[in-house]
Amino acid sequence: MLTTWRRSSRLCVLKDIPNQSPLLTEAERIAAAELIEVCKNTGFILIAGQALAYIPIDFESVDEYLSRLSSSRRKDIRRKMRARADLQIDMMNTGCERLNKAEFLNELYDLYLNVYKQSEIHFDKLSAEFFSNVFKDKSLDGHLFLYYSAGQLIGFNLCFVHNGMLIDKYIGFRYPAAREHNLYFVSWMENLAFALSRKLRYYVAGWTDPKIKAYLGAKFTFTQHAVYVRNPLLRRILDKLSSHFEHDRAWFAEHPQ
């Protein structure tokens, strides 16, 4: 792979390589392991990526799922879930007619930006055009969950069904209403209920916020980043300091599951 790397580039980074993830097929696990081995043999530095949260759908109801948590967590989550009674929840598929309306698309994008601006960890800032194309795409098995309070849209959660899994991909919140209505907790349980109704194998809750996701009962699988630094001296320095970039790994070392 390094033979096709542009000579003007100082870094080559392969992001989020799965590491024996239970979410992969056997063929996918073998391919990921072979890629990691090639990276090791060609001088890449392997750095633990973020922890990907997931829940096996091996229960018959949300109540059964909650029963596996500690009594204190069950009590707290059920208390937070009382906010659901004050919400109106709607769901539409990507490509539906309403998602052709510019005003509605703008409102959804504004909610996404609210989350982006308050997040401590920033991935790429996605454009309004990107979301418009995704929302309008009928070929995707996408499901847009909408949360209203007193008629006002206070949050959305865009998920996709893929290979027997519900992939929780994008969210948008209106603050402070989303926090006041415990929307993170409510949407988590709505997603589990949806996965159950579709008889899916996993709910994949994504990266970031491992503390709250662990509290909600998620399991985790790590990805790896393979980094090649062209300058040999900088490559040696990064190799020695790589553990300082493994924030999720450090958190799990302090909080074993």
C-alpha atoms as a PDB file:
ATOM      1  CA  MET A   1       0.000   0.000   0.000  1.00  0.00           C
ATOM      2  CA  LEU A   2       2.924   2.335   0.657  1.00  0.00           C
ATOM      3  CA  THR A   3       4.003   2.037  -2.989  1.00  0.00           C
ATOM      4  CA  THR A   4       0.944   4.041  -4.043  1.00  0.00           C
ATOM      5  CA  TRP A   5       1.332   6.614  -1.277  1.00  0.00           C
ATOM      6  CA  ARG A   6       2.005  10.106  -2.568  1.00  0.00           C
ATOM      7  CA  ARG A   7       5.559  11.217  -1.882  1.00  0.00           C
ATOM      8  CA  SER A   8       4.318  14.653  -0.839  1.00  0.00           C
ATOM      9  CA  SER A   9       2.367  13.180   2.105  1.00  0.00           C
ATOM     10  CA  ARG A  10       3.980  12.936   5.528  1.00  0.00           C
ATOM     11  CA  LEU A  11       1.421  10.622   7.117  1.00  0.00           C
ATOM     12  CA  CYS A  12      -0.516   7.573   5.987  1.00  0.00           C
ATOM     13  CA  VAL A  13      -3.378   6.597   8.320  1.00  0.00           C
ATOM     14  CA  LEU A  14      -5.704   3.611   8.027  1.00  0.00           C
ATOM     15  CA  LYS A  15      -8.583   4.366  10.404  1.00  0.00           C
ATOM     16  CA  ASP A  16     -10.867   2.089  12.360  1.00  0.00           C
ATOM     17  CA  ILE A  17      -9.627  -1.343  11.350  1.00  0.00           C
ATOM     18  CA  PRO A  18     -11.827  -3.898  13.182  1.00  0.00           C
ATOM     19  CA  ASN A  19     -10.011  -6.032  15.731  1.00  0.00           C
ATOM     20  CA  GLN A  20     -11.713  -9.439  15.941  1.00  0.00           C
ATOM     21  CA  SER A  21     -15.087  -7.752  16.231  1.00  0.00           C
ATOM     22  CA  PRO A  22     -18.114  -9.989  16.918  1.00  0.00           C
ATOM     23  CA  LEU A  23     -20.039  -7.755  14.502  1.00  0.00           C
ATOM     24  CA  LEU A  24     -18.078  -9.111  11.528  1.00  0.00           C
ATOM     25  CA  THR A  25     -18.534 -12.254   9.510  1.00  0.00           C
ATOM     26  CA  GLU A  26     -15.762 -14.841   9.682  1.00  0.00           C
ATOM     27  CA  ALA A  27     -14.473 -13.756   6.259  1.00  0.00           C
ATOM     28  CA  GLU A  28     -14.438 -10.119   7.390  1.00  0.00           C
ATOM     29  CA  ARG A  29     -12.549 -11.012  10.588  1.00  0.00           C
ATOM     30  CA  ILE A  30      -9.914 -12.875   8.583  1.00  0.00           C
ATOM     31  CA  ALA A  31      -9.518  -9.963   6.146  1.00  0.00           C
ATOM     32  CA  ALA A  32      -9.163  -7.444   9.005  1.00  0.00           C
ATOM     33  CA  ALA A  33      -6.574  -9.620  10.770  1.00  0.00           C
ATOM     34  CA  GLU A  34      -4.579  -9.976   7.538  1.00  0.00           C
ATOM     35  CA  LEU A  35      -4.619  -6.200   7.030  1.00  0.00           C
ATOM     36  CA  ILE A  36      -3.355  -5.608  10.583  1.00  0.00           C
ATOM     37  CA  GLU A  37      -0.557  -8.136  10.040  1.00  0.00           C
ATOM     38  CA  VAL A  38       0.497  -6.435   6.799  1.00  0.00           C
ATOM     39  CA  CYS A  39       0.569  -3.080   8.600  1.00  0.00           C
ATOM     40  CA  LYS A  40       2.771  -4.491  11.363  1.00  0.00           C
ATOM     41  CA  ASN A  41       5.198  -5.963   8.845  1.00  0.00           C
ATOM     42  CA  THR A  42       5.522  -2.733   6.865  1.00  0.00           C
ATOM     43  CA  GLY A  43       6.317  -0.440   9.793  1.00  0.00           C
ATOM     44  CA  PHE A  44       2.928   0.997  10.643  1.00  0.00           C
ATOM     45  CA  ILE A  45       2.311   1.917  14.279  1.00  0.00           C
ATOM     46  CA  LEU A  46      -0.914   0.405  15.655  1.00  0.00           C
ATOM     47  CA  ILE A  47      -2.938   2.619  17.965  1.00  0.00           C
ATOM     48  CA  ALA A  48      -6.134   1.554  19.736  1.00  0.00           C
ATOM     49  CA  GLY A  49      -9.084   3.459  18.315  1.00  0.00           C
ATOM     50  CA  GLN A  50     -12.353   4.302  19.961  1.00  0.00           C
ATOM     51  CA  ALA A  51     -14.570   1.712  21.590  1.00  0.00           C
ATOM     52  CA  LEU A  52     -17.562   0.775  19.429  1.00  0.00           C
ATOM     53  CA  ALA A  53     -20.634   0.127  21.590  1.00  0.00           C
ATOM     54  CA  TYR A  54     -23.080  -2.632  20.699  1.00  0.00           C
ATOM     55  CA  ILE A  55     -25.811  -4.738  22.265  1.00  0.00           C
ATOM     56  CA  PRO A  56     -26.616  -8.308  21.211  1.00  0.00           C
ATOM     57  CA  ILE A  57     -30.382  -8.637  20.803  1.00  0.00           C
ATOM     58  CA  ASP A  58     -30.576 -11.839  22.839  1.00  0.00           C
ATOM     59  CA  PHE A  59     -33.596 -10.828  24.920  1.00  0.00           C
ATOM     60  CA  GLU A  60     -37.341 -10.952  24.264  1.00  0.00           C
ATOM     61  CA  SER A  61     -38.292  -7.533  25.595  1.00  0.00           C
ATOM     62  CA  VAL A  62     -36.818  -4.250  26.786  1.00  0.00           C
ATOM     63  CA  ASP A  63     -37.885  -5.193  30.319  1.00  0.00           C
ATOM     64  CA  GLU A  64     -35.797  -8.372  30.081  1.00  0.00           C
ATOM     65  CA  TYR A  65     -32.875  -6.276  28.886  1.00  0.00           C
ATOM     66  CA  LEU A  66     -33.245  -3.921  31.849  1.00  0.00           C
ATOM     67  CA  SER A  67     -33.485  -6.856  34.248  1.00  0.00           C
ATOM     68  CA  ARG A  68     -29.836  -7.658  33.504  1.00  0.00           C
ATOM     69  CA  LEU A  69     -28.688  -4.317  34.892  1.00  0.00           C
ATOM     70  CA  SER A  70     -28.131  -3.562  38.556  1.00  0.00           C
ATOM     71  CA  SER A  71     -31.172  -2.558  40.594  1.00  0.00           C
ATOM     72  CA  SER A  72     -29.868   0.986  41.052  1.00  0.00           C
ATOM     73  CA  ARG A  73     -29.391   1.432  37.308  1.00  0.00           C
ATOM     74  CA  ARG A  74     -32.802  -0.045  36.548  1.00  0.00           C
ATOM     75  CA  LYS A  75     -34.405   2.386  38.958  1.00  0.00           C
ATOM     76  CA  ASP A  76     -32.536   5.363  37.505  1.00  0.00           C
ATOM     77  CA  ILE A  77     -33.274   4.450  33.882  1.00  0.00           C
ATOM     78  CA  ARG A  78     -36.958   3.849  34.563  1.00  0.00           C
ATOM     79  CA  ARG A  79     -37.139   7.202  36.309  1.00  0.00           C
ATOM     80  CA  LYS A  80     -35.576   8.884  33.281  1.00  0.00           C
ATOM     81  CA  MET A  81     -37.928   7.017  30.957  1.00  0.00           C
ATOM     82  CA  ARG A  82     -40.946   8.712  32.531  1.00  0.00           C
ATOM     83  CA  ALA A  83     -40.164  11.636  30.236  1.00  0.00           C
ATOM     84  CA  ARG A  84     -41.345   9.495  27.318  1.00  0.00           C
ATOM     85  CA  ALA A  85     -44.959  10.081  28.354  1.00  0.00           C
ATOM     86  CA  ASP A  86     -44.571  13.781  27.475  1.00  0.00           C
ATOM     87  CA  LEU A  87     -43.087  13.103  24.047  1.00  0.00           C
ATOM     88  CA  GLN A  88     -44.593  12.430  20.652  1.00  0.00           C
ATOM     89  CA  ILE A  89     -42.471   9.980  18.662  1.00  0.00           C
ATOM     90  CA  ASP A  90     -42.653   9.551  14.916  1.00  0.00           C
ATOM     91  CA  MET A  91     -40.614   7.452  12.511  1.00  0.00           C
ATOM     92  CA  MET A  92     -40.147   7.773   8.764  1.00  0.00           C
ATOM     93  CA  ASN A  93     -38.020   5.985   6.222  1.00  0.00           C
ATOM     94  CA  THR A  94     -35.320   7.727   4.206  1.00  0.00           C
ATOM     95  CA  GLY A  95     -36.677   8.749   0.838  1.00  0.00           C
ATOM     96  CA  CYS A  96     -40.180   9.565   2.062  1.00  0.00           C
ATOM     97  CA  GLU A  97     -41.982  12.594   0.635  1.00  0.00           C
ATOM     98  CA  ARG A  98     -41.634  14.804   3.709  1.00  0.00           C
ATOM     99  CA  LEU A  99     -37.857  14.591   3.475  1.00  0.00           C
ATOM    100  CA  ASN A 100     -37.972  16.516   0.220  1.00  0.00           C
ATOM    101  CA  LYS A 101     -39.021  19.691   2.033  1.00  0.00           C
ATOM    102  CA  ALA A 102     -36.166  22.185   2.356  1.00  0.00           C
ATOM    103  CA  GLU A 103     -37.472  23.791   5.560  1.00  0.00           C
ATOM    104  CA  PHE A 104     -37.677  20.441   7.347  1.00  0.00           C
ATOM    105  CA  LEU A 105     -34.219  19.423   6.131  1.00  0.00           C
ATOM    106  CA  ASN A 106     -32.793  22.713   7.416  1.00  0.00           C
ATOM    107  CA  GLU A 107     -34.358  22.109  10.826  1.00  0.00           C
ATOM    108  CA  LEU A 108     -32.838  18.632  11.015  1.00  0.00           C
ATOM    109  CA  TYR A 109     -29.420  19.967  10.044  1.00  0.00           C
ATOM    110  CA  ASP A 110     -29.601  22.677  12.705  1.00  0.00           C
ATOM    111  CA  LEU A 111     -30.237  19.975  15.327  1.00  0.00           C
ATOM    112  CA  TYR A 112     -27.220  18.019  14.068  1.00  0.00           C
ATOM    113  CA  LEU A 113     -25.080  21.174  14.365  1.00  0.00           C
ATOM    114  CA  ASN A 114     -26.248  21.647  17.973  1.00  0.00           C
ATOM    115  CA  VAL A 115     -24.753  18.269  18.878  1.00  0.00           C
ATOM    116  CA  TYR A 116     -21.619  18.876  16.837  1.00  0.00           C
ATOM    117  CA  LYS A 117     -20.923  22.220  18.537  1.00  0.00           C
ATOM    118  CA  GLN A 118     -21.249  20.895  22.091  1.00  0.00           C
ATOM    119  CA  SER A 119     -19.318  17.674  21.504  1.00  0.00           C
ATOM    120  CA  GLU A 120     -15.849  17.323  23.023  1.00  0.00           C
ATOM    121  CA  ILE A 121     -14.803  14.941  20.233  1.00  0.00           C
ATOM    122  CA  HIS A 122     -15.206  16.169  16.664  1.00  0.00           C
ATOM    123  CA  PHE A 123     -15.284  13.969  13.610  1.00  0.00           C
ATOM    124  CA  ASP A 124     -15.713  15.523  10.185  1.00  0.00           C
ATOM    125  CA  LYS A 125     -18.329  18.252  10.101  1.00  0.00           C
ATOM    126  CA  LEU A 126     -20.870  16.927   7.628  1.00  0.00           C
ATOM    127  CA  SER A 127     -22.557  19.290   5.224  1.00  0.00           C
ATOM    128  CA  ALA A 128     -26.236  20.084   4.801  1.00  0.00           C
ATOM    129  CA  GLU A 129     -25.953  18.695   1.269  1.00  0.00           C
ATOM    130  CA  PHE A 130     -24.672  15.379   2.631  1.00  0.00           C
ATOM    131  CA  PHE A 131     -27.642  15.007   4.969  1.00  0.00           C
ATOM    132  CA  SER A 132     -30.067  16.077   2.261  1.00  0.00           C
ATOM    133  CA  ASN A 133     -28.775  13.353  -0.040  1.00  0.00           C
ATOM    134  CA  VAL A 134     -28.940  10.706   2.689  1.00  0.00           C
ATOM    135  CA  PHE A 135     -32.435  11.684   3.852  1.00  0.00           C
ATOM    136  CA  LYS A 136     -33.755  11.596   0.266  1.00  0.00           C
ATOM    137  CA  ASP A 137     -32.181   8.267  -0.698  1.00  0.00           C
ATOM    138  CA  LYS A 138     -34.891   5.616  -1.100  1.00  0.00           C
ATOM    139  CA  SER A 139     -32.327   2.859  -1.629  1.00  0.00           C
ATOM    140  CA  LEU A 140     -31.140   3.023   1.998  1.00  0.00           C
ATOM    141  CA  ASP A 141     -32.832   1.022   4.728  1.00  0.00           C
ATOM    142  CA  GLY A 142     -32.737   4.169   6.834  1.00  0.00           C
ATOM    143  CA  HIS A 143     -35.099   5.009   9.675  1.00  0.00           C
ATOM    144  CA  LEU A 144     -35.467   8.523  11.040  1.00  0.00           C
ATOM    145  CA  PHE A 145     -36.832   8.669  14.597  1.00  0.00           C
ATOM    146  CA  LEU A 146     -38.331  12.063  15.454  1.00  0.00           C
ATOM    147  CA  TYR A 147     -39.005  13.314  18.974  1.00  0.00           C
ATOM    148  CA  TYR A 148     -41.473  16.123  19.667  1.00  0.00           C
ATOM    149  CA  SER A 149     -42.415  17.992  22.831  1.00  0.00           C
ATOM    150  CA  ALA A 150     -45.548  20.138  22.734  1.00  0.00           C
ATOM    151  CA  GLY A 151     -45.413  20.014  18.945  1.00  0.00           C
ATOM    152  CA  GLN A 152     -41.788  21.165  18.680  1.00  0.00           C
ATOM    153  CA  LEU A 153     -39.119  18.887  17.207  1.00  0.00           C
ATOM    154  CA  ILE A 154     -36.485  18.465  19.926  1.00  0.00           C
ATOM    155  CA  GLY A 155     -34.439  15.635  18.503  1.00  0.00           C
ATOM    156  CA  PHE A 156     -33.844  13.082  15.787  1.00  0.00           C
ATOM    157  CA  ASN A 157     -31.941   9.836  15.479  1.00  0.00           C
ATOM    158  CA  LEU A 158     -31.076   8.414  12.055  1.00  0.00           C
ATOM    159  CA  CYS A 159     -30.418   4.666  12.046  1.00  0.00           C
ATOM    160  CA  PHE A 160     -29.806   2.113   9.306  1.00  0.00           C
ATOM    161  CA  VAL A 161     -30.572  -1.581   9.095  1.00  0.00           C
ATOM    162  CA  HIS A 162     -27.626  -3.481   7.644  1.00  0.00           C
ATOM    163  CA  ASN A 163     -26.709  -7.161   7.737  1.00  0.00           C
ATOM    164  CA  GLY A 164     -29.046  -7.920  10.617  1.00  0.00           C
ATOM    165  CA  MET A 165     -27.933  -4.924  12.674  1.00  0.00           C
ATOM    166  CA  LEU A 166     -29.456  -1.569  13.588  1.00  0.00           C
ATOM    167  CA  ILE A 167     -26.681   0.982  13.079  1.00  0.00           C
ATOM    168  CA  ASP A 168     -27.190   4.155  15.142  1.00  0.00           C
ATOM    169  CA  LYS A 169     -25.488   6.717  12.923  1.00  0.00           C
ATOM    170  CA  TYR A 170     -26.560  10.367  13.376  1.00  0.00           C
ATOM    171  CA  ILE A 171     -28.357  12.365  16.032  1.00  0.00           C
ATOM    172  CA  GLY A 172     -29.543  15.927  16.463  1.00  0.00           C
ATOM    173  CA  PHE A 173     -30.856  17.583  19.620  1.00  0.00           C
ATOM    174  CA  ARG A 174     -32.466  20.850  20.604  1.00  0.00           C
ATOM    175  CA  TYR A 175     -31.012  22.032  23.902  1.00  0.00           C
ATOM    176  CA  PRO A 176     -31.963  22.293  26.707  1.00  0.00           C
ATOM    177  CA  ALA A 177     -35.227  20.480  25.841  1.00  0.00           C
ATOM    178  CA  ALA A 178     -33.456  17.262  24.823  1.00  0.00           C
ATOM    179  CA  ARG A 179     -31.707  17.047  28.196  1.00  0.00           C
ATOM    180  CA  GLU A 180     -34.847  17.963  30.117  1.00  0.00           C
ATOM    181  CA  HIS A 181     -36.664  15.062  28.452  1.00  0.00           C
ATOM    182  CA  ASN A 182     -33.766  12.587  28.851  1.00  0.00           C
ATOM    183  CA  LEU A 183     -33.784  12.099  25.104  1.00  0.00           C
ATOM    184  CA  TYR A 184     -30.538  10.141  25.030  1.00  0.00           C
ATOM    185  CA  PHE A 185     -32.050   7.465  27.289  1.00  0.00           C
ATOM    186  CA  VAL A 186     -35.438   7.509  25.592  1.00  0.00           C
ATOM    187  CA  SER A 187     -33.970   7.155  22.108  1.00  0.00           C
ATOM    188  CA  TRP A 188     -31.720   4.298  23.272  1.00  0.00           C
ATOM    189  CA  MET A 189     -34.729   2.300  24.445  1.00  0.00           C
ATOM    190  CA  GLU A 190     -36.728   3.163  21.317  1.00  0.00           C
ATOM    191  CA  ASN A 191     -33.886   1.821  19.191  1.00  0.00           C
ATOM    192  CA  LEU A 192     -33.761  -1.404  21.183  1.00  0.00           C
ATOM    193  CA  ALA A 193     -37.512  -1.841  20.800  1.00  0.00           C
ATOM    194  CA  PHE A 194     -37.224  -1.277  17.049  1.00  0.00           C
ATOM    195  CA  ALA A 195     -34.376  -3.796  16.735  1.00  0.00           C
ATOM    196  CA  LEU A 196     -36.512  -6.321  18.601  1.00  0.00           C
ATOM    197  CA  SER A 197     -39.494  -5.702  16.335  1.00  0.00           C
ATOM    198  CA  ARG A 198     -37.334  -6.328  13.244  1.00  0.00           C
ATOM    199  CA  LYS A 199     -35.728  -9.427  14.819  1.00  0.00           C
ATOM    200  CA  LEU A 200     -32.243  -7.985  14.339  1.00  0.00           C
ATOM    201  CA  ARG A 201     -29.087  -9.491  15.826  1.00  0.00           C
ATOM    202  CA  TYR A 202     -27.387  -6.359  17.157  1.00  0.00           C
ATOM    203  CA  TYR A 203     -27.974  -2.745  18.033  1.00  0.00           C
ATOM    204  CA  VAL A 204     -24.743  -0.876  17.213  1.00  0.00           C
ATOM    205  CA  ALA A 205     -24.710   2.338  19.237  1.00  0.00           C
ATOM    206  CA  GLY A 206     -21.536   3.842  17.784  1.00  0.00           C
ATOM    207  CA  TRP A 207     -18.467   5.547  19.199  1.00  0.00           C
ATOM    208  CA  THR A 208     -17.968   8.247  21.879  1.00  0.00           C
ATOM    209  CA  ASP A 209     -19.383   8.455  25.420  1.00  0.00           C
ATOM    210  CA  PRO A 210     -18.312   4.962  26.594  1.00  0.00           C
ATOM    211  CA  LYS A 211     -19.190   5.823  30.191  1.00  0.00           C
ATOM    212  CA  ILE A 212     -22.892   6.419  29.573  1.00  0.00           C
ATOM    213  CA  LYS A 213     -23.119   3.550  27.068  1.00  0.00           C
ATOM    214  CA  ALA A 214     -21.542   1.158  29.555  1.00  0.00           C
ATOM    215  CA  TYR A 215     -24.041   2.407  32.146  1.00  0.00           C
ATOM    216  CA  LEU A 216     -26.828   1.508  29.715  1.00  0.00           C
ATOM    217  CA  GLY A 217     -25.509  -2.033  29.371  1.00  0.00           C
ATOM    218  CA  ALA A 218     -23.507  -1.891  26.137  1.00  0.00           C
ATOM    219  CA  LYS A 219     -20.638  -4.187  25.239  1.00  0.00           C
ATOM    220  CA  PHE A 220     -17.626  -2.813  23.371  1.00  0.00           C
ATOM    221  CA  THR A 221     -15.255  -3.792  20.606  1.00  0.00           C
ATOM    222  CA  PHE A 222     -12.137  -1.796  19.745  1.00  0.00           C
ATOM    223  CA  THR A 223     -10.891  -0.740  16.363  1.00  0.00           C
ATOM    224  CA  GLN A 224      -7.276   0.056  15.543  1.00  0.00           C
ATOM    225  CA  HIS A 225      -5.639   2.854  13.605  1.00  0.00           C
ATOM    226  CA  ALA A 226      -2.536   2.022  11.588  1.00  0.00           C
ATOM    227  CA  VAL A 227      -0.253   5.051  11.269  1.00  0.00           C
ATOM    228  CA  TYR A 228       2.854   5.372   9.122  1.00  0.00           C
ATOM    229  CA  VAL A 229       5.056   8.432   9.569  1.00  0.00           C
ATOM    230  CA  ARG A 230       7.468   9.080   6.697  1.00  0.00           C
ATOM    231  CA  ASN A 231      10.137  10.668   8.908  1.00  0.00           C
ATOM    232  CA  PRO A 232      11.992   7.834  10.747  1.00  0.00           C
ATOM    233  CA  LEU A 233      12.740   9.945  13.824  1.00  0.00           C
ATOM    234  CA  LEU A 234       9.123  11.062  14.205  1.00  0.00           C
ATOM    235  CA  ARG A 235       8.014   7.464  13.647  1.00  0.00           C
ATOM    236  CA  ARG A 236      10.113   6.306  16.616  1.00  0.00           C
ATOM    237  CA  ILE A 237       8.763   9.133  18.788  1.00  0.00           C
ATOM    238  CA  LEU A 238       5.149   8.296  17.898  1.00  0.00           C
ATOM    239  CA  ASP A 239       5.775   4.635  18.652  1.00  0.00           C
ATOM    240  CA  LYS A 240       6.895   5.529  22.176  1.00  0.00           C
ATOM    241  CA  LEU A 241       4.048   8.009  22.765  1.00  0.00           C
ATOM    242  CA  SER A 242       1.213   6.108  21.059  1.00  0.00           C
ATOM    243  CA  SER A 243      -0.450   5.099  24.342  1.00  0.00           C
ATOM    244  CA  HIS A 244      -1.179   8.787  25.055  1.00  0.00           C
ATOM    245  CA  PHE A 245      -3.614   8.789  22.113  1.00  0.00           C
ATOM    246  CA  GLU A 246      -5.561   5.725  23.296  1.00  0.00           C
ATOM    247  CA  HIS A 247      -8.127   7.544  25.424  1.00  0.00           C
ATOM    248  CA  ASP A 248     -10.880   4.921  25.327  1.00  0.00           C
ATOM    249  CA  ARG A 249      -8.444   2.113  26.066  1.00  0.00           C
ATOM    250  CA  ALA A 250      -7.189   4.040  29.088  1.00  0.00           C
ATOM    251  CA  TRP A 251     -10.761   4.617  30.332  1.00  0.00           C
ATOM    252  CA  PHE A 252     -11.560   0.897  30.111  1.00  0.00           C
ATOM    253  CA  ALA A 253      -8.335   0.021  31.908  1.00  0.00           C
ATOM    254  CA  GLU A 254      -9.553   2.163  34.818  1.00  0.00           C
ATOM    255  CA  HIS A 255     -13.153   0.918  34.567  1.00  0.00           C
ATOM    256  CA  PRO A 256     -13.056  -2.812  33.709  1.00  0.00           C
ATOM    257  CA  GLN A 257     -16.409  -4.174  32.546  1.00  0.00           C
END
